[in-house]
Amino acid sequence: MAKSLTLRALTRPEQRVLAAKLKDLSLSARIYQRYRVIEEVRQGRAMTEAADRVGCHFTVAYDWVHRFNDSGFSSFEQVSNPKGRPPILKAEQ
């Protein structure tokens, strides 16, 4: 059985960042969703319930809580693959 994951306590600066990001209307939906996952879990919701409320799979919510526990919000707005998918065909083809 998988080990349950709990959200670590947020520092005051992290709480301010979270509150500001949840009010920021210029964030993309995907990035906003990451901050919402943290807020839902912080409010005491189970990972599956938080994922349902945010609209993602529970494994996605689990990954973002794990990432937050490791490095805070520093990686939340980084693009995972900024160059996109590598081309399958070469330029000569």
PDB file of N, CA and C in Angstrom:
ATOM      1  N   MET A   1       0.845  -1.184   0.000  1.00  0.00           N
ATOM      2  CA  MET A   1       0.000   0.000   0.000  1.00  0.00           C
ATOM      3  C   MET A   1       0.883   1.238   0.000  1.00  0.00           C
ATOM      4  N   ALA A   2       0.474   2.261  -0.709  1.00  0.00           N
ATOM      5  CA  ALA A   2       1.258   3.490  -0.823  1.00  0.00           C
ATOM      6  C   ALA A   2       1.247   4.256   0.496  1.00  0.00           C
ATOM      7  N   LYS A   3       2.365   4.883   0.773  1.00  0.00           N
ATOM      8  CA  LYS A   3       2.488   5.702   1.972  1.00  0.00           C
ATOM      9  C   LYS A   3       1.730   7.009   1.747  1.00  0.00           C
ATOM     10  N   SER A   4       0.959   7.439   2.742  1.00  0.00           N
ATOM     11  CA  SER A   4       0.201   8.679   2.575  1.00  0.00           C
ATOM     12  C   SER A   4       1.144   9.875   2.639  1.00  0.00           C
ATOM     13  N   LEU A   5       0.763  10.909   1.946  1.00  0.00           N
ATOM     14  CA  LEU A   5       1.573  12.124   1.863  1.00  0.00           C
ATOM     15  C   LEU A   5       0.834  13.241   2.571  1.00  0.00           C
ATOM     16  N   THR A   6       1.530  13.952   3.439  1.00  0.00           N
ATOM     17  CA  THR A   6       0.927  15.094   4.112  1.00  0.00           C
ATOM     18  C   THR A   6       1.650  16.360   3.685  1.00  0.00           C
ATOM     19  N   LEU A   7       0.923  17.427   3.674  1.00  0.00           N
ATOM     20  CA  LEU A   7       1.470  18.723   3.300  1.00  0.00           C
ATOM     21  C   LEU A   7       2.257  19.283   4.474  1.00  0.00           C
ATOM     22  N   ARG A   8       3.451  19.767   4.203  1.00  0.00           N
ATOM     23  CA  ARG A   8       4.235  20.392   5.274  1.00  0.00           C
ATOM     24  C   ARG A   8       3.634  21.755   5.595  1.00  0.00           C
ATOM     25  N   ALA A   9       3.982  22.290   6.743  1.00  0.00           N
ATOM     26  CA  ALA A   9       3.463  23.602   7.148  1.00  0.00           C
ATOM     27  C   ALA A   9       4.025  24.688   6.238  1.00  0.00           C
ATOM     28  N   LEU A  10       3.185  25.629   5.874  1.00  0.00           N
ATOM     29  CA  LEU A  10       3.615  26.752   5.040  1.00  0.00           C
ATOM     30  C   LEU A  10       4.213  27.839   5.928  1.00  0.00           C
ATOM     31  N   THR A  11       5.289  28.442   5.461  1.00  0.00           N
ATOM     32  CA  THR A  11       5.856  29.587   6.163  1.00  0.00           C
ATOM     33  C   THR A  11       4.968  30.800   5.894  1.00  0.00           C
ATOM     34  N   ARG A  12       5.153  31.857   6.651  1.00  0.00           N
ATOM     35  CA  ARG A  12       4.346  33.070   6.415  1.00  0.00           C
ATOM     36  C   ARG A  12       4.551  33.626   5.005  1.00  0.00           C
ATOM     37  N   PRO A  13       5.811  33.714   4.523  1.00  0.00           N
ATOM     38  CA  PRO A  13       5.971  34.186   3.137  1.00  0.00           C
ATOM     39  C   PRO A  13       5.268  33.278   2.125  1.00  0.00           C
ATOM     40  N   GLU A  14       5.290  31.967   2.350  1.00  0.00           N
ATOM     41  CA  GLU A  14       4.598  31.042   1.445  1.00  0.00           C
ATOM     42  C   GLU A  14       3.087  31.245   1.514  1.00  0.00           C
ATOM     43  N   GLN A  15       2.572  31.523   2.691  1.00  0.00           N
ATOM     44  CA  GLN A  15       1.141  31.792   2.827  1.00  0.00           C
ATOM     45  C   GLN A  15       0.749  33.043   2.047  1.00  0.00           C
ATOM     46  N   ARG A  16       1.610  34.068   2.089  1.00  0.00           N
ATOM     47  CA  ARG A  16       1.328  35.300   1.346  1.00  0.00           C
ATOM     48  C   ARG A  16       1.385  35.050  -0.161  1.00  0.00           C
ATOM     49  N   VAL A  17       2.377  34.274  -0.595  1.00  0.00           N
ATOM     50  CA  VAL A  17       2.488  33.944  -2.023  1.00  0.00           C
ATOM     51  C   VAL A  17       1.252  33.172  -2.469  1.00  0.00           C
ATOM     52  N   LEU A  18       0.848  32.188  -1.692  1.00  0.00           N
ATOM     53  CA  LEU A  18      -0.320  31.379  -2.045  1.00  0.00           C
ATOM     54  C   LEU A  18      -1.572  32.246  -2.148  1.00  0.00           C
ATOM     55  N   ALA A  19      -1.783  33.111  -1.180  1.00  0.00           N
ATOM     56  CA  ALA A  19      -2.958  33.989  -1.211  1.00  0.00           C
ATOM     57  C   ALA A  19      -2.924  34.900  -2.434  1.00  0.00           C
ATOM     58  N   ALA A  20      -1.753  35.438  -2.746  1.00  0.00           N
ATOM     59  CA  ALA A  20      -1.634  36.330  -3.908  1.00  0.00           C
ATOM     60  C   ALA A  20      -1.872  35.574  -5.211  1.00  0.00           C
ATOM     61  N   LYS A  21      -1.327  34.377  -5.327  1.00  0.00           N
ATOM     62  CA  LYS A  21      -1.482  33.598  -6.560  1.00  0.00           C
ATOM     63  C   LYS A  21      -2.929  33.166  -6.772  1.00  0.00           C
ATOM     64  N   LEU A  22      -3.633  32.875  -5.698  1.00  0.00           N
ATOM     65  CA  LEU A  22      -5.032  32.472  -5.837  1.00  0.00           C
ATOM     66  C   LEU A  22      -5.921  33.636  -6.262  1.00  0.00           C
ATOM     67  N   LYS A  23      -5.448  34.864  -6.072  1.00  0.00           N
ATOM     68  CA  LYS A  23      -6.195  36.052  -6.506  1.00  0.00           C
ATOM     69  C   LYS A  23      -5.741  36.559  -7.869  1.00  0.00           C
ATOM     70  N   ASP A  24      -4.630  36.031  -8.376  1.00  0.00           N
ATOM     71  CA  ASP A  24      -4.040  36.506  -9.627  1.00  0.00           C
ATOM     72  C   ASP A  24      -4.829  35.966 -10.819  1.00  0.00           C
ATOM     73  N   LEU A  25      -5.507  36.849 -11.518  1.00  0.00           N
ATOM     74  CA  LEU A  25      -6.335  36.436 -12.653  1.00  0.00           C
ATOM     75  C   LEU A  25      -5.533  36.239 -13.936  1.00  0.00           C
ATOM     76  N   SER A  26      -4.253  36.582 -13.915  1.00  0.00           N
ATOM     77  CA  SER A  26      -3.447  36.451 -15.124  1.00  0.00           C
ATOM     78  C   SER A  26      -2.740  35.097 -15.224  1.00  0.00           C
ATOM     79  N   LEU A  27      -2.848  34.257 -14.200  1.00  0.00           N
ATOM     80  CA  LEU A  27      -2.211  32.939 -14.244  1.00  0.00           C
ATOM     81  C   LEU A  27      -2.934  32.031 -15.235  1.00  0.00           C
ATOM     82  N   SER A  28      -2.184  31.143 -15.854  1.00  0.00           N
ATOM     83  CA  SER A  28      -2.832  30.151 -16.715  1.00  0.00           C
ATOM     84  C   SER A  28      -3.627  29.193 -15.827  1.00  0.00           C
ATOM     85  N   ALA A  29      -4.601  28.546 -16.402  1.00  0.00           N
ATOM     86  CA  ALA A  29      -5.462  27.639 -15.644  1.00  0.00           C
ATOM     87  C   ALA A  29      -4.662  26.509 -15.016  1.00  0.00           C
ATOM     88  N   ARG A  30      -3.695  25.998 -15.729  1.00  0.00           N
ATOM     89  CA  ARG A  30      -2.896  24.880 -15.226  1.00  0.00           C
ATOM     90  C   ARG A  30      -2.063  25.293 -14.015  1.00  0.00           C
ATOM     91  N   ILE A  31      -1.461  26.471 -14.062  1.00  0.00           N
ATOM     92  CA  ILE A  31      -0.640  26.934 -12.938  1.00  0.00           C
ATOM     93  C   ILE A  31      -1.531  27.279 -11.750  1.00  0.00           C
ATOM     94  N   TYR A  32      -2.668  27.900 -12.019  1.00  0.00           N
ATOM     95  CA  TYR A  32      -3.622  28.206 -10.950  1.00  0.00           C
ATOM     96  C   TYR A  32      -4.057  26.921 -10.248  1.00  0.00           C
ATOM     97  N   GLN A  33      -4.259  25.874 -11.024  1.00  0.00           N
ATOM     98  CA  GLN A  33      -4.667  24.581 -10.486  1.00  0.00           C
ATOM     99  C   GLN A  33      -3.641  24.050  -9.488  1.00  0.00           C
ATOM    100  N   ARG A  34      -2.366  24.262  -9.738  1.00  0.00           N
ATOM    101  CA  ARG A  34      -1.307  23.797  -8.839  1.00  0.00           C
ATOM    102  C   ARG A  34      -1.417  24.472  -7.476  1.00  0.00           C
ATOM    103  N   TYR A  35      -1.641  25.779  -7.492  1.00  0.00           N
ATOM    104  CA  TYR A  35      -1.788  26.509  -6.232  1.00  0.00           C
ATOM    105  C   TYR A  35      -3.071  26.104  -5.508  1.00  0.00           C
ATOM    106  N   ARG A  36      -4.134  25.851  -6.271  1.00  0.00           N
ATOM    107  CA  ARG A  36      -5.396  25.418  -5.657  1.00  0.00           C
ATOM    108  C   ARG A  36      -5.250  24.079  -4.959  1.00  0.00           C
ATOM    109  N   VAL A  37      -4.481  23.169  -5.543  1.00  0.00           N
ATOM    110  CA  VAL A  37      -4.255  21.867  -4.907  1.00  0.00           C
ATOM    111  C   VAL A  37      -3.656  22.074  -3.522  1.00  0.00           C
ATOM    112  N   ILE A  38      -2.643  22.929  -3.439  1.00  0.00           N
ATOM    113  CA  ILE A  38      -1.997  23.178  -2.150  1.00  0.00           C
ATOM    114  C   ILE A  38      -3.000  23.782  -1.170  1.00  0.00           C
ATOM    115  N   GLU A  39      -3.801  24.729  -1.626  1.00  0.00           N
ATOM    116  CA  GLU A  39      -4.790  25.366  -0.744  1.00  0.00           C
ATOM    117  C   GLU A  39      -5.826  24.363  -0.254  1.00  0.00           C
ATOM    118  N   GLU A  40      -6.312  23.514  -1.135  1.00  0.00           N
ATOM    119  CA  GLU A  40      -7.327  22.528  -0.743  1.00  0.00           C
ATOM    120  C   GLU A  40      -6.772  21.554   0.296  1.00  0.00           C
ATOM    121  N   VAL A  41      -5.554  21.077   0.085  1.00  0.00           N
ATOM    122  CA  VAL A  41      -4.943  20.141   1.032  1.00  0.00           C
ATOM    123  C   VAL A  41      -4.625  20.867   2.341  1.00  0.00           C
ATOM    124  N   ARG A  42      -4.204  22.114   2.246  1.00  0.00           N
ATOM    125  CA  ARG A  42      -3.900  22.911   3.443  1.00  0.00           C
ATOM    126  C   ARG A  42      -5.146  23.086   4.312  1.00  0.00           C
ATOM    127  N   GLN A  43      -6.303  23.151   3.680  1.00  0.00           N
ATOM    128  CA  GLN A  43      -7.559  23.297   4.419  1.00  0.00           C
ATOM    129  C   GLN A  43      -8.031  21.984   5.043  1.00  0.00           C
ATOM    130  N   GLY A  44      -7.267  20.919   4.854  1.00  0.00           N
ATOM    131  CA  GLY A  44      -7.573  19.657   5.509  1.00  0.00           C
ATOM    132  C   GLY A  44      -8.274  18.630   4.652  1.00  0.00           C
ATOM    133  N   ARG A  45      -8.417  18.897   3.383  1.00  0.00           N
ATOM    134  CA  ARG A  45      -9.079  17.932   2.510  1.00  0.00           C
ATOM    135  C   ARG A  45      -8.128  16.788   2.158  1.00  0.00           C
ATOM    136  N   ALA A  46      -8.702  15.625   1.946  1.00  0.00           N
ATOM    137  CA  ALA A  46      -7.918  14.473   1.501  1.00  0.00           C
ATOM    138  C   ALA A  46      -7.429  14.733   0.083  1.00  0.00           C
ATOM    139  N   MET A  47      -6.369  14.053  -0.295  1.00  0.00           N
ATOM    140  CA  MET A  47      -5.771  14.272  -1.611  1.00  0.00           C
ATOM    141  C   MET A  47      -6.783  14.017  -2.732  1.00  0.00           C
ATOM    142  N   THR A  48      -7.566  12.949  -2.619  1.00  0.00           N
ATOM    143  CA  THR A  48      -8.540  12.641  -3.670  1.00  0.00           C
ATOM    144  C   THR A  48      -9.647  13.691  -3.725  1.00  0.00           C
ATOM    145  N   GLU A  49     -10.093  14.159  -2.567  1.00  0.00           N
ATOM    146  CA  GLU A  49     -11.130  15.195  -2.544  1.00  0.00           C
ATOM    147  C   GLU A  49     -10.597  16.507  -3.114  1.00  0.00           C
ATOM    148  N   ALA A  50      -9.370  16.859  -2.745  1.00  0.00           N
ATOM    149  CA  ALA A  50      -8.755  18.084  -3.275  1.00  0.00           C
ATOM    150  C   ALA A  50      -8.640  17.995  -4.792  1.00  0.00           C
ATOM    151  N   ALA A  51      -8.216  16.843  -5.287  1.00  0.00           N
ATOM    152  CA  ALA A  51      -8.081  16.659  -6.734  1.00  0.00           C
ATOM    153  C   ALA A  51      -9.437  16.786  -7.427  1.00  0.00           C
ATOM    154  N   ASP A  52     -10.470  16.194  -6.857  1.00  0.00           N
ATOM    155  CA  ASP A  52     -11.816  16.306  -7.433  1.00  0.00           C
ATOM    156  C   ASP A  52     -12.280  17.758  -7.470  1.00  0.00           C
ATOM    157  N   ARG A  53     -12.046  18.487  -6.406  1.00  0.00           N
ATOM    158  CA  ARG A  53     -12.490  19.883  -6.332  1.00  0.00           C
ATOM    159  C   ARG A  53     -11.740  20.765  -7.323  1.00  0.00           C
ATOM    160  N   VAL A  54     -10.464  20.441  -7.548  1.00  0.00           N
ATOM    161  CA  VAL A  54      -9.640  21.240  -8.463  1.00  0.00           C
ATOM    162  C   VAL A  54      -9.860  20.817  -9.909  1.00  0.00           C
ATOM    163  N   GLY A  55     -10.186  19.543 -10.110  1.00  0.00           N
ATOM    164  CA  GLY A  55     -10.430  19.054 -11.463  1.00  0.00           C
ATOM    165  C   GLY A  55      -9.241  18.357 -12.083  1.00  0.00           C
ATOM    166  N   CYS A  56      -8.489  17.638 -11.264  1.00  0.00           N
ATOM    167  CA  CYS A  56      -7.353  16.880 -11.788  1.00  0.00           C
ATOM    168  C   CYS A  56      -7.370  15.482 -11.174  1.00  0.00           C
ATOM    169  N   HIS A  57      -6.538  14.616 -11.688  1.00  0.00           N
ATOM    170  CA  HIS A  57      -6.413  13.270 -11.154  1.00  0.00           C
ATOM    171  C   HIS A  57      -5.662  13.334  -9.835  1.00  0.00           C
ATOM    172  N   PHE A  58      -5.957  12.408  -8.923  1.00  0.00           N
ATOM    173  CA  PHE A  58      -5.318  12.468  -7.611  1.00  0.00           C
ATOM    174  C   PHE A  58      -3.806  12.284  -7.685  1.00  0.00           C
ATOM    175  N   THR A  59      -3.315  11.594  -8.711  1.00  0.00           N
ATOM    176  CA  THR A  59      -1.857  11.438  -8.822  1.00  0.00           C
ATOM    177  C   THR A  59      -1.185  12.761  -9.170  1.00  0.00           C
ATOM    178  N   VAL A  60      -1.885  13.609  -9.920  1.00  0.00           N
ATOM    179  CA  VAL A  60      -1.364  14.939 -10.237  1.00  0.00           C
ATOM    180  C   VAL A  60      -1.294  15.766  -8.959  1.00  0.00           C
ATOM    181  N   ALA A  61      -2.359  15.722  -8.164  1.00  0.00           N
ATOM    182  CA  ALA A  61      -2.370  16.447  -6.887  1.00  0.00           C
ATOM    183  C   ALA A  61      -1.259  15.934  -5.980  1.00  0.00           C
ATOM    184  N   TYR A  62      -1.098  14.636  -5.934  1.00  0.00           N
ATOM    185  CA  TYR A  62      -0.041  14.027  -5.121  1.00  0.00           C
ATOM    186  C   TYR A  62       1.327  14.545  -5.566  1.00  0.00           C
ATOM    187  N   ASP A  63       1.562  14.589  -6.878  1.00  0.00           N
ATOM    188  CA  ASP A  63       2.851  15.061  -7.397  1.00  0.00           C
ATOM    189  C   ASP A  63       3.120  16.508  -7.011  1.00  0.00           C
ATOM    190  N   TRP A  64       2.102  17.367  -7.073  1.00  0.00           N
ATOM    191  CA  TRP A  64       2.314  18.782  -6.748  1.00  0.00           C
ATOM    192  C   TRP A  64       2.518  19.006  -5.264  1.00  0.00           C
ATOM    193  N   VAL A  65       1.848  18.236  -4.424  1.00  0.00           N
ATOM    194  CA  VAL A  65       2.094  18.339  -2.978  1.00  0.00           C
ATOM    195  C   VAL A  65       3.502  17.848  -2.673  1.00  0.00           C
ATOM    196  N   HIS A  66       3.900  16.769  -3.304  1.00  0.00           N
ATOM    197  CA  HIS A  66       5.258  16.249  -3.113  1.00  0.00           C
ATOM    198  C   HIS A  66       6.287  17.288  -3.560  1.00  0.00           C
ATOM    199  N   ARG A  67       6.065  17.892  -4.704  1.00  0.00           N
ATOM    200  CA  ARG A  67       6.986  18.911  -5.218  1.00  0.00           C
ATOM    201  C   ARG A  67       7.038  20.119  -4.283  1.00  0.00           C
ATOM    202  N   PHE A  68       5.876  20.541  -3.776  1.00  0.00           N
ATOM    203  CA  PHE A  68       5.854  21.662  -2.839  1.00  0.00           C
ATOM    204  C   PHE A  68       6.619  21.316  -1.567  1.00  0.00           C
ATOM    205  N   ASN A  69       6.410  20.117  -1.038  1.00  0.00           N
ATOM    206  CA  ASN A  69       7.120  19.711   0.174  1.00  0.00           C
ATOM    207  C   ASN A  69       8.632  19.740  -0.022  1.00  0.00           C
ATOM    208  N   ASP A  70       9.086  19.409  -1.216  1.00  0.00           N
ATOM    209  CA  ASP A  70      10.525  19.380  -1.500  1.00  0.00           C
ATOM    210  C   ASP A  70      11.119  20.759  -1.738  1.00  0.00           C
ATOM    211  N   SER A  71      10.421  21.600  -2.512  1.00  0.00           N
ATOM    212  CA  SER A  71      11.066  22.856  -2.924  1.00  0.00           C
ATOM    213  C   SER A  71      10.182  24.090  -2.818  1.00  0.00           C
ATOM    214  N   GLY A  72       9.059  24.000  -2.147  1.00  0.00           N
ATOM    215  CA  GLY A  72       8.178  25.162  -2.036  1.00  0.00           C
ATOM    216  C   GLY A  72       7.549  25.497  -3.377  1.00  0.00           C
ATOM    217  N   PHE A  73       7.265  26.779  -3.582  1.00  0.00           N
ATOM    218  CA  PHE A  73       6.608  27.211  -4.814  1.00  0.00           C
ATOM    219  C   PHE A  73       7.588  27.514  -5.940  1.00  0.00           C
ATOM    220  N   SER A  74       8.874  27.309  -5.708  1.00  0.00           N
ATOM    221  CA  SER A  74       9.882  27.726  -6.695  1.00  0.00           C
ATOM    222  C   SER A  74       9.712  27.061  -8.058  1.00  0.00           C
ATOM    223  N   SER A  75       9.176  25.863  -8.105  1.00  0.00           N
ATOM    224  CA  SER A  75       9.056  25.156  -9.389  1.00  0.00           C
ATOM    225  C   SER A  75       7.639  25.172  -9.957  1.00  0.00           C
ATOM    226  N   PHE A  76       6.700  25.835  -9.313  1.00  0.00           N
ATOM    227  CA  PHE A  76       5.310  25.772  -9.743  1.00  0.00           C
ATOM    228  C   PHE A  76       5.063  26.418 -11.099  1.00  0.00           C
ATOM    229  N   GLU A  77       5.815  27.431 -11.459  1.00  0.00           N
ATOM    230  CA  GLU A  77       5.552  28.133 -12.711  1.00  0.00           C
ATOM    231  C   GLU A  77       6.598  27.848 -13.780  1.00  0.00           C
ATOM    232  N   GLN A  78       7.464  26.877 -13.532  1.00  0.00           N
ATOM    233  CA  GLN A  78       8.452  26.500 -14.541  1.00  0.00           C
ATOM    234  C   GLN A  78       7.797  25.591 -15.570  1.00  0.00           C
ATOM    235  N   VAL A  79       8.139  25.819 -16.804  1.00  0.00           N
ATOM    236  CA  VAL A  79       7.631  24.975 -17.883  1.00  0.00           C
ATOM    237  C   VAL A  79       8.407  23.667 -17.850  1.00  0.00           C
ATOM    238  N   SER A  80       7.702  22.544 -17.880  1.00  0.00           N
ATOM    239  CA  SER A  80       8.367  21.253 -17.760  1.00  0.00           C
ATOM    240  C   SER A  80       9.214  20.915 -18.981  1.00  0.00           C
ATOM    241  N   ASN A  81       8.772  21.331 -20.158  1.00  0.00           N
ATOM    242  CA  ASN A  81       9.530  21.065 -21.375  1.00  0.00           C
ATOM    243  C   ASN A  81       9.433  22.300 -22.269  1.00  0.00           C
ATOM    244  N   PRO A  82      10.269  23.315 -22.018  1.00  0.00           N
ATOM    245  CA  PRO A  82      10.107  24.599 -22.711  1.00  0.00           C
ATOM    246  C   PRO A  82      10.307  24.549 -24.217  1.00  0.00           C
ATOM    247  N   LYS A  83      11.043  23.589 -24.711  1.00  0.00           N
ATOM    248  CA  LYS A  83      11.292  23.509 -26.151  1.00  0.00           C
ATOM    249  C   LYS A  83      10.243  22.683 -26.876  1.00  0.00           C
ATOM    250  N   GLY A  84       9.358  22.065 -26.136  1.00  0.00           N
ATOM    251  CA  GLY A  84       8.325  21.253 -26.758  1.00  0.00           C
ATOM    252  C   GLY A  84       8.834  19.861 -27.106  1.00  0.00           C
ATOM    253  N   ARG A  85       8.001  19.136 -27.764  1.00  0.00           N
ATOM    254  CA  ARG A  85       8.347  17.777 -28.156  1.00  0.00           C
ATOM    255  C   ARG A  85       9.402  17.813 -29.247  1.00  0.00           C
ATOM    256  N   PRO A  86      10.432  16.967 -29.143  1.00  0.00           N
ATOM    257  CA  PRO A  86      11.439  16.937 -30.202  1.00  0.00           C
ATOM    258  C   PRO A  86      10.837  16.393 -31.500  1.00  0.00           C
ATOM    259  N   PRO A  87      11.266  16.920 -32.640  1.00  0.00           N
ATOM    260  CA  PRO A  87      10.700  16.457 -33.912  1.00  0.00           C
ATOM    261  C   PRO A  87      11.051  14.996 -34.185  1.00  0.00           C
ATOM    262  N   ILE A  88      10.128  14.313 -34.821  1.00  0.00           N
ATOM    263  CA  ILE A  88      10.346  12.914 -35.179  1.00  0.00           C
ATOM    264  C   ILE A  88      11.132  12.830 -36.486  1.00  0.00           C
ATOM    265  N   LEU A  89      10.818  13.709 -37.420  1.00  0.00           N
ATOM    266  CA  LEU A  89      11.504  13.726 -38.706  1.00  0.00           C
ATOM    267  C   LEU A  89      12.644  14.736 -38.684  1.00  0.00           C
ATOM    268  N   LYS A  90      13.664  14.445 -39.432  1.00  0.00           N
ATOM    269  CA  LYS A  90      14.779  15.381 -39.565  1.00  0.00           C
ATOM    270  C   LYS A  90      14.425  16.422 -40.630  1.00  0.00           C
ATOM    271  N   ALA A  91      15.114  17.529 -40.628  1.00  0.00           N
ATOM    272  CA  ALA A  91      14.832  18.616 -41.567  1.00  0.00           C
ATOM    273  C   ALA A  91      14.940  18.152 -43.020  1.00  0.00           C
ATOM    274  N   GLU A  92      15.832  17.212 -43.307  1.00  0.00           N
ATOM    275  CA  GLU A  92      16.026  16.724 -44.679  1.00  0.00           C
ATOM    276  C   GLU A  92      14.843  15.891 -45.163  1.00  0.00           C
ATOM    277  N   GLN A  93      14.092  15.327 -44.288  1.00  0.00           N
ATOM    278  CA  GLN A  93      12.994  14.450 -44.675  1.00  0.00           C
ATOM    279  C   GLN A  93      11.829  15.314 -45.035  1.00  0.00           C
TER     280      GLN A  93
END
